[in-house]
Amino acid sequence: MDPIVLAAGTALVGAMATDSWEGARAALVALWRRVHQDQAGAIEVELAQVRAQVIAARGAGNTEAEQVLAGNWQLRLRELLATDPTLEGDLRRLLDEQLAPALAADGPIESAMITMRAKVSGHGRVYQAGRDQHIIDR
């Protein structure tokens, strides 16, 4: 999946639980309206429902539910870009100008998309981690 779609879907769901959500929501609905004007109202309703689910999941400490919701929105955004690939720049701007600032205003970002690549030959080893890594060599 396109890295911008992964990052935007994750940031979208994360931003839902912030005080800055309304601006991000309005920007996403405007983006959606450009491609599917007839679906904009339904998207607004769906975003409100998902926001309530995100807030409930955070309150319960259910990070898995939040990850599932982010995955759902990643798929939705991928479908949106498949309909109109020229929106990729707009989605990137939405991420940079609305979603990321909403997350930053709420505190440190808990999840981010990380791409790692490694190539090993011979008897080499690679240790990669997106966060904490504990290696016990026995």
N, C-alpha and C. Protein backbone atom coordinates (compact mmCIF):
# COMPACT_ATOMS: atom_id res chain seq x y z
N MET A 1 0.85 -1.17 0.00
CA MET A 1 0.00 0.00 0.00
C MET A 1 0.90 1.24 0.00
N ASP A 2 0.44 2.28 -0.63
CA ASP A 2 1.16 3.54 -0.74
C ASP A 2 1.47 4.10 0.66
N PRO A 3 2.73 4.47 0.92
CA PRO A 3 3.08 4.99 2.25
C PRO A 3 2.25 6.20 2.69
N ILE A 4 1.89 7.07 1.75
CA ILE A 4 1.10 8.24 2.13
C ILE A 4 -0.29 7.81 2.61
N VAL A 5 -0.85 6.77 2.01
CA VAL A 5 -2.16 6.25 2.42
C VAL A 5 -2.05 5.63 3.80
N LEU A 6 -1.00 4.87 4.05
CA LEU A 6 -0.81 4.26 5.37
C LEU A 6 -0.68 5.33 6.45
N ALA A 7 0.16 6.32 6.19
CA ALA A 7 0.37 7.38 7.17
C ALA A 7 -0.89 8.21 7.38
N ALA A 8 -1.59 8.54 6.30
CA ALA A 8 -2.80 9.36 6.41
C ALA A 8 -3.91 8.62 7.15
N GLY A 9 -4.09 7.33 6.86
CA GLY A 9 -5.12 6.56 7.57
C GLY A 9 -4.85 6.46 9.05
N THR A 10 -3.60 6.23 9.40
CA THR A 10 -3.21 6.15 10.82
C THR A 10 -3.37 7.50 11.50
N ALA A 11 -2.90 8.55 10.85
CA ALA A 11 -2.99 9.89 11.43
C ALA A 11 -4.44 10.35 11.53
N LEU A 12 -5.25 9.99 10.55
CA LEU A 12 -6.67 10.37 10.57
C LEU A 12 -7.35 9.83 11.82
N VAL A 13 -7.17 8.55 12.08
CA VAL A 13 -7.81 7.94 13.24
C VAL A 13 -7.21 8.50 14.53
N GLY A 14 -5.91 8.71 14.56
CA GLY A 14 -5.30 9.30 15.74
C GLY A 14 -5.80 10.71 16.01
N ALA A 15 -5.99 11.49 14.96
CA ALA A 15 -6.45 12.88 15.11
C ALA A 15 -7.89 12.97 15.58
N MET A 16 -8.65 11.90 15.40
CA MET A 16 -10.06 11.91 15.81
C MET A 16 -10.22 12.14 17.31
N ALA A 17 -9.24 11.77 18.09
CA ALA A 17 -9.33 11.90 19.54
C ALA A 17 -8.71 13.20 20.05
N THR A 18 -8.42 14.13 19.15
CA THR A 18 -7.79 15.38 19.56
C THR A 18 -8.78 16.54 19.52
N ASP A 19 -8.40 17.63 20.15
CA ASP A 19 -9.22 18.85 20.14
C ASP A 19 -9.21 19.52 18.77
N SER A 20 -8.24 19.21 17.94
CA SER A 20 -8.11 19.82 16.62
C SER A 20 -8.85 19.04 15.54
N TRP A 21 -9.66 18.09 15.91
CA TRP A 21 -10.29 17.20 14.96
C TRP A 21 -11.19 17.91 13.96
N GLU A 22 -11.93 18.91 14.35
CA GLU A 22 -12.91 19.53 13.46
C GLU A 22 -12.30 20.07 12.18
N GLY A 23 -11.13 20.70 12.28
CA GLY A 23 -10.48 21.21 11.08
C GLY A 23 -10.02 20.09 10.16
N ALA A 24 -9.48 19.03 10.75
CA ALA A 24 -9.04 17.88 9.95
C ALA A 24 -10.24 17.20 9.30
N ARG A 25 -11.32 17.09 10.03
CA ARG A 25 -12.54 16.46 9.51
C ARG A 25 -13.07 17.25 8.31
N ALA A 26 -13.14 18.56 8.45
CA ALA A 26 -13.63 19.41 7.37
C ALA A 26 -12.76 19.28 6.12
N ALA A 27 -11.45 19.20 6.32
CA ALA A 27 -10.53 19.08 5.17
C ALA A 27 -10.70 17.72 4.48
N LEU A 28 -10.90 16.66 5.25
CA LEU A 28 -11.09 15.35 4.64
C LEU A 28 -12.41 15.29 3.88
N VAL A 29 -13.46 15.83 4.45
CA VAL A 29 -14.76 15.83 3.78
C VAL A 29 -14.68 16.64 2.48
N ALA A 30 -13.97 17.76 2.51
CA ALA A 30 -13.80 18.56 1.29
C ALA A 30 -13.05 17.78 0.22
N LEU A 31 -12.04 17.04 0.63
CA LEU A 31 -11.29 16.20 -0.32
C LEU A 31 -12.20 15.12 -0.90
N TRP A 32 -12.98 14.49 -0.05
CA TRP A 32 -13.88 13.43 -0.49
C TRP A 32 -14.93 13.99 -1.46
N ARG A 33 -15.42 15.17 -1.15
CA ARG A 33 -16.46 15.81 -1.96
C ARG A 33 -15.99 16.05 -3.39
N ARG A 34 -14.69 16.28 -3.57
CA ARG A 34 -14.16 16.53 -4.92
C ARG A 34 -14.34 15.32 -5.82
N VAL A 35 -14.32 14.11 -5.26
CA VAL A 35 -14.42 12.90 -6.06
C VAL A 35 -15.83 12.32 -6.01
N HIS A 36 -16.41 12.30 -4.82
CA HIS A 36 -17.73 11.69 -4.61
C HIS A 36 -18.64 12.69 -3.89
N GLN A 37 -19.09 13.68 -4.60
CA GLN A 37 -19.90 14.73 -3.98
C GLN A 37 -21.14 14.15 -3.29
N ASP A 38 -21.73 13.12 -3.90
CA ASP A 38 -22.94 12.53 -3.35
C ASP A 38 -22.68 11.75 -2.06
N GLN A 39 -21.43 11.43 -1.74
CA GLN A 39 -21.11 10.66 -0.54
C GLN A 39 -20.61 11.51 0.62
N ALA A 40 -20.44 12.80 0.41
CA ALA A 40 -19.84 13.65 1.43
C ALA A 40 -20.63 13.65 2.74
N GLY A 41 -21.93 13.71 2.66
CA GLY A 41 -22.75 13.68 3.88
C GLY A 41 -22.60 12.38 4.63
N ALA A 42 -22.59 11.28 3.91
CA ALA A 42 -22.43 9.97 4.55
C ALA A 42 -21.04 9.84 5.18
N ILE A 43 -20.03 10.42 4.56
CA ILE A 43 -18.68 10.38 5.12
C ILE A 43 -18.64 11.16 6.43
N GLU A 44 -19.31 12.32 6.47
CA GLU A 44 -19.36 13.10 7.71
C GLU A 44 -19.98 12.29 8.85
N VAL A 45 -21.07 11.60 8.55
CA VAL A 45 -21.74 10.77 9.56
C VAL A 45 -20.82 9.64 10.00
N GLU A 46 -20.19 8.99 9.04
CA GLU A 46 -19.29 7.88 9.36
C GLU A 46 -18.11 8.34 10.20
N LEU A 47 -17.55 9.49 9.86
CA LEU A 47 -16.43 10.02 10.64
C LEU A 47 -16.84 10.28 12.09
N ALA A 48 -18.05 10.78 12.30
CA ALA A 48 -18.54 11.02 13.67
C ALA A 48 -18.67 9.70 14.42
N GLN A 49 -19.16 8.67 13.75
CA GLN A 49 -19.30 7.36 14.39
C GLN A 49 -17.94 6.76 14.72
N VAL A 50 -17.01 6.85 13.80
CA VAL A 50 -15.67 6.30 14.03
C VAL A 50 -14.97 7.08 15.13
N ARG A 51 -15.17 8.39 15.17
CA ARG A 51 -14.57 9.20 16.24
C ARG A 51 -15.05 8.72 17.60
N ALA A 52 -16.34 8.44 17.73
CA ALA A 52 -16.87 7.94 19.00
C ALA A 52 -16.23 6.60 19.35
N GLN A 53 -16.00 5.75 18.35
CA GLN A 53 -15.34 4.46 18.58
C GLN A 53 -13.89 4.65 19.02
N VAL A 54 -13.20 5.60 18.41
CA VAL A 54 -11.80 5.86 18.76
C VAL A 54 -11.71 6.37 20.20
N ILE A 55 -12.58 7.29 20.55
CA ILE A 55 -12.56 7.84 21.91
C ILE A 55 -12.86 6.74 22.93
N ALA A 56 -13.83 5.88 22.62
CA ALA A 56 -14.16 4.77 23.51
C ALA A 56 -12.98 3.79 23.62
N ALA A 57 -12.34 3.50 22.50
CA ALA A 57 -11.20 2.58 22.50
C ALA A 57 -10.05 3.15 23.33
N ARG A 58 -9.79 4.44 23.18
CA ARG A 58 -8.72 5.06 23.97
C ARG A 58 -9.06 5.03 25.45
N GLY A 59 -10.32 5.30 25.75
CA GLY A 59 -10.74 5.28 27.15
C GLY A 59 -10.57 3.90 27.78
N ALA A 60 -10.75 2.87 26.98
CA ALA A 60 -10.62 1.49 27.47
C ALA A 60 -9.20 0.96 27.31
N GLY A 61 -8.31 1.76 26.72
CA GLY A 61 -6.95 1.31 26.48
C GLY A 61 -6.85 0.24 25.41
N ASN A 62 -7.80 0.24 24.49
CA ASN A 62 -7.87 -0.78 23.44
C ASN A 62 -7.16 -0.29 22.19
N THR A 63 -5.86 -0.48 22.13
CA THR A 63 -5.09 -0.02 20.98
C THR A 63 -5.37 -0.86 19.74
N GLU A 64 -5.74 -2.11 19.94
CA GLU A 64 -6.04 -2.98 18.79
C GLU A 64 -7.24 -2.45 18.01
N ALA A 65 -8.27 -2.00 18.71
CA ALA A 65 -9.46 -1.45 18.02
C ALA A 65 -9.08 -0.22 17.21
N GLU A 66 -8.22 0.61 17.75
CA GLU A 66 -7.78 1.81 17.03
C GLU A 66 -6.98 1.43 15.78
N GLN A 67 -6.16 0.40 15.88
CA GLN A 67 -5.39 -0.06 14.72
C GLN A 67 -6.32 -0.60 13.63
N VAL A 68 -7.37 -1.31 14.02
CA VAL A 68 -8.33 -1.83 13.05
C VAL A 68 -9.03 -0.68 12.34
N LEU A 69 -9.44 0.33 13.10
CA LEU A 69 -10.10 1.50 12.50
C LEU A 69 -9.15 2.22 11.55
N ALA A 70 -7.88 2.33 11.92
CA ALA A 70 -6.90 2.97 11.03
C ALA A 70 -6.76 2.16 9.75
N GLY A 71 -6.73 0.84 9.87
CA GLY A 71 -6.64 -0.02 8.68
C GLY A 71 -7.83 0.15 7.76
N ASN A 72 -9.02 0.29 8.36
CA ASN A 72 -10.22 0.53 7.55
C ASN A 72 -10.12 1.83 6.77
N TRP A 73 -9.62 2.88 7.43
CA TRP A 73 -9.50 4.17 6.74
C TRP A 73 -8.36 4.17 5.73
N GLN A 74 -7.35 3.38 5.97
CA GLN A 74 -6.30 3.25 4.96
C GLN A 74 -6.88 2.66 3.68
N LEU A 75 -7.73 1.66 3.83
CA LEU A 75 -8.38 1.07 2.65
C LEU A 75 -9.29 2.08 1.96
N ARG A 76 -10.04 2.84 2.74
CA ARG A 76 -10.95 3.84 2.16
C ARG A 76 -10.17 4.90 1.38
N LEU A 77 -9.06 5.34 1.96
CA LEU A 77 -8.25 6.36 1.29
C LEU A 77 -7.58 5.79 0.04
N ARG A 78 -7.18 4.53 0.09
CA ARG A 78 -6.60 3.89 -1.09
C ARG A 78 -7.63 3.85 -2.21
N GLU A 79 -8.88 3.50 -1.88
CA GLU A 79 -9.96 3.48 -2.87
C GLU A 79 -10.21 4.87 -3.44
N LEU A 80 -10.15 5.88 -2.59
CA LEU A 80 -10.34 7.26 -3.05
C LEU A 80 -9.26 7.64 -4.06
N LEU A 81 -8.01 7.30 -3.76
CA LEU A 81 -6.91 7.62 -4.69
C LEU A 81 -7.00 6.78 -5.96
N ALA A 82 -7.53 5.57 -5.86
CA ALA A 82 -7.69 4.75 -7.06
C ALA A 82 -8.72 5.38 -8.00
N THR A 83 -9.72 6.03 -7.42
CA THR A 83 -10.73 6.71 -8.22
C THR A 83 -10.14 7.94 -8.91
N ASP A 84 -9.28 8.67 -8.19
CA ASP A 84 -8.66 9.87 -8.75
C ASP A 84 -7.23 10.00 -8.23
N PRO A 85 -6.25 9.43 -8.93
CA PRO A 85 -4.86 9.45 -8.48
C PRO A 85 -4.27 10.86 -8.32
N THR A 86 -4.88 11.85 -8.95
CA THR A 86 -4.36 13.22 -8.82
C THR A 86 -4.55 13.78 -7.42
N LEU A 87 -5.32 13.09 -6.58
CA LEU A 87 -5.56 13.55 -5.21
C LEU A 87 -4.41 13.24 -4.26
N GLU A 88 -3.40 12.51 -4.73
CA GLU A 88 -2.32 12.13 -3.82
C GLU A 88 -1.64 13.35 -3.19
N GLY A 89 -1.40 14.38 -3.98
CA GLY A 89 -0.80 15.61 -3.44
C GLY A 89 -1.71 16.27 -2.42
N ASP A 90 -3.02 16.25 -2.68
CA ASP A 90 -3.97 16.82 -1.72
C ASP A 90 -4.00 16.01 -0.43
N LEU A 91 -3.90 14.69 -0.55
CA LEU A 91 -3.89 13.84 0.64
C LEU A 91 -2.62 14.09 1.44
N ARG A 92 -1.51 14.27 0.75
CA ARG A 92 -0.25 14.59 1.44
C ARG A 92 -0.36 15.92 2.18
N ARG A 93 -0.98 16.93 1.54
CA ARG A 93 -1.18 18.22 2.20
C ARG A 93 -2.10 18.09 3.41
N LEU A 94 -3.15 17.28 3.27
CA LEU A 94 -4.06 17.03 4.40
C LEU A 94 -3.27 16.44 5.57
N LEU A 95 -2.41 15.49 5.27
CA LEU A 95 -1.59 14.87 6.31
C LEU A 95 -0.65 15.90 6.94
N ASP A 96 0.05 16.66 6.11
CA ASP A 96 1.05 17.61 6.60
C ASP A 96 0.44 18.83 7.30
N GLU A 97 -0.68 19.33 6.78
CA GLU A 97 -1.23 20.59 7.28
C GLU A 97 -2.36 20.43 8.30
N GLN A 98 -3.03 19.28 8.31
CA GLN A 98 -4.16 19.10 9.23
C GLN A 98 -3.95 17.97 10.22
N LEU A 99 -3.67 16.78 9.71
CA LEU A 99 -3.63 15.60 10.57
C LEU A 99 -2.40 15.57 11.48
N ALA A 100 -1.22 15.75 10.91
CA ALA A 100 0.00 15.72 11.73
C ALA A 100 0.00 16.83 12.78
N PRO A 101 -0.39 18.07 12.43
CA PRO A 101 -0.45 19.11 13.47
C PRO A 101 -1.47 18.79 14.57
N ALA A 102 -2.59 18.16 14.21
CA ALA A 102 -3.58 17.77 15.22
C ALA A 102 -2.97 16.78 16.20
N LEU A 103 -2.20 15.83 15.68
CA LEU A 103 -1.55 14.84 16.54
C LEU A 103 -0.46 15.49 17.39
N ALA A 104 0.32 16.37 16.78
CA ALA A 104 1.41 17.02 17.50
C ALA A 104 0.87 17.89 18.64
N ALA A 105 -0.26 18.54 18.42
CA ALA A 105 -0.85 19.39 19.45
C ALA A 105 -1.35 18.56 20.63
N ASP A 106 -1.65 17.30 20.38
CA ASP A 106 -2.19 16.42 21.42
C ASP A 106 -1.08 15.73 22.22
N GLY A 107 0.15 15.88 21.80
CA GLY A 107 1.24 15.22 22.51
C GLY A 107 2.07 14.39 21.55
N PRO A 108 2.94 13.58 22.10
CA PRO A 108 3.79 12.78 21.23
C PRO A 108 2.98 11.79 20.40
N ILE A 109 3.43 11.56 19.20
CA ILE A 109 2.74 10.65 18.29
C ILE A 109 3.11 9.23 18.69
N GLU A 110 2.09 8.43 18.95
CA GLU A 110 2.30 7.06 19.38
C GLU A 110 2.57 6.12 18.22
N SER A 111 1.98 6.39 17.08
CA SER A 111 2.20 5.48 15.96
C SER A 111 2.57 6.29 14.72
N ALA A 112 3.49 5.75 14.00
CA ALA A 112 3.92 6.37 12.76
C ALA A 112 4.31 5.25 11.81
N MET A 113 4.28 5.55 10.54
CA MET A 113 4.67 4.55 9.58
C MET A 113 6.18 4.58 9.40
N ILE A 114 6.80 3.43 9.48
CA ILE A 114 8.23 3.32 9.33
C ILE A 114 8.50 2.29 8.24
N THR A 115 9.39 2.64 7.34
CA THR A 115 9.79 1.69 6.31
C THR A 115 11.25 1.37 6.54
N MET A 116 11.55 0.08 6.67
CA MET A 116 12.92 -0.35 6.87
C MET A 116 13.26 -1.41 5.83
N ARG A 117 14.47 -1.35 5.34
CA ARG A 117 14.94 -2.36 4.40
C ARG A 117 16.33 -2.78 4.84
N ALA A 118 16.63 -4.02 4.64
CA ALA A 118 17.96 -4.52 4.99
C ALA A 118 18.36 -5.61 4.01
N LYS A 119 19.64 -5.70 3.77
CA LYS A 119 20.16 -6.76 2.92
C LYS A 119 21.37 -7.34 3.64
N VAL A 120 21.34 -8.63 3.83
CA VAL A 120 22.39 -9.29 4.56
C VAL A 120 23.00 -10.37 3.67
N SER A 121 24.29 -10.54 3.78
CA SER A 121 24.93 -11.62 3.03
C SER A 121 25.88 -12.35 3.98
N GLY A 122 26.24 -13.53 3.57
CA GLY A 122 27.15 -14.32 4.39
C GLY A 122 26.53 -14.67 5.73
N HIS A 123 27.26 -14.38 6.79
CA HIS A 123 26.79 -14.69 8.14
C HIS A 123 26.35 -13.42 8.88
N GLY A 124 25.99 -12.40 8.13
CA GLY A 124 25.60 -11.14 8.75
C GLY A 124 24.27 -11.23 9.48
N ARG A 125 24.04 -10.27 10.33
CA ARG A 125 22.78 -10.18 11.08
C ARG A 125 22.20 -8.79 10.91
N VAL A 126 20.91 -8.71 10.97
CA VAL A 126 20.23 -7.42 10.94
C VAL A 126 19.24 -7.39 12.10
N TYR A 127 19.27 -6.31 12.82
CA TYR A 127 18.31 -6.09 13.90
C TYR A 127 17.60 -4.77 13.59
N GLN A 128 16.32 -4.83 13.35
CA GLN A 128 15.57 -3.61 13.05
C GLN A 128 14.37 -3.54 13.99
N ALA A 129 14.06 -2.35 14.41
CA ALA A 129 12.89 -2.17 15.27
C ALA A 129 12.30 -0.80 15.03
N GLY A 130 11.00 -0.73 15.07
CA GLY A 130 10.31 0.55 14.96
C GLY A 130 10.16 1.21 16.30
N ARG A 131 10.50 0.48 17.33
CA ARG A 131 10.41 1.01 18.68
C ARG A 131 11.39 0.24 19.56
N ASP A 132 10.98 -0.19 20.75
CA ASP A 132 11.88 -0.89 21.66
C ASP A 132 12.32 -2.22 21.06
N GLN A 133 13.55 -2.57 21.32
CA GLN A 133 14.06 -3.86 20.87
C GLN A 133 14.95 -4.43 21.97
N HIS A 134 14.69 -5.65 22.33
CA HIS A 134 15.48 -6.32 23.36
C HIS A 134 16.06 -7.57 22.73
N ILE A 135 17.37 -7.67 22.75
CA ILE A 135 18.05 -8.82 22.15
C ILE A 135 18.78 -9.56 23.25
N ILE A 136 18.45 -10.83 23.35
CA ILE A 136 19.12 -11.68 24.32
C ILE A 136 19.93 -12.68 23.53
N ASP A 137 21.23 -12.57 23.60
CA ASP A 137 22.10 -13.45 22.85
C ASP A 137 22.55 -14.58 23.77
N ARG A 138 22.13 -15.77 23.45
CA ARG A 138 22.48 -16.92 24.30
C ARG A 138 23.41 -17.83 23.60
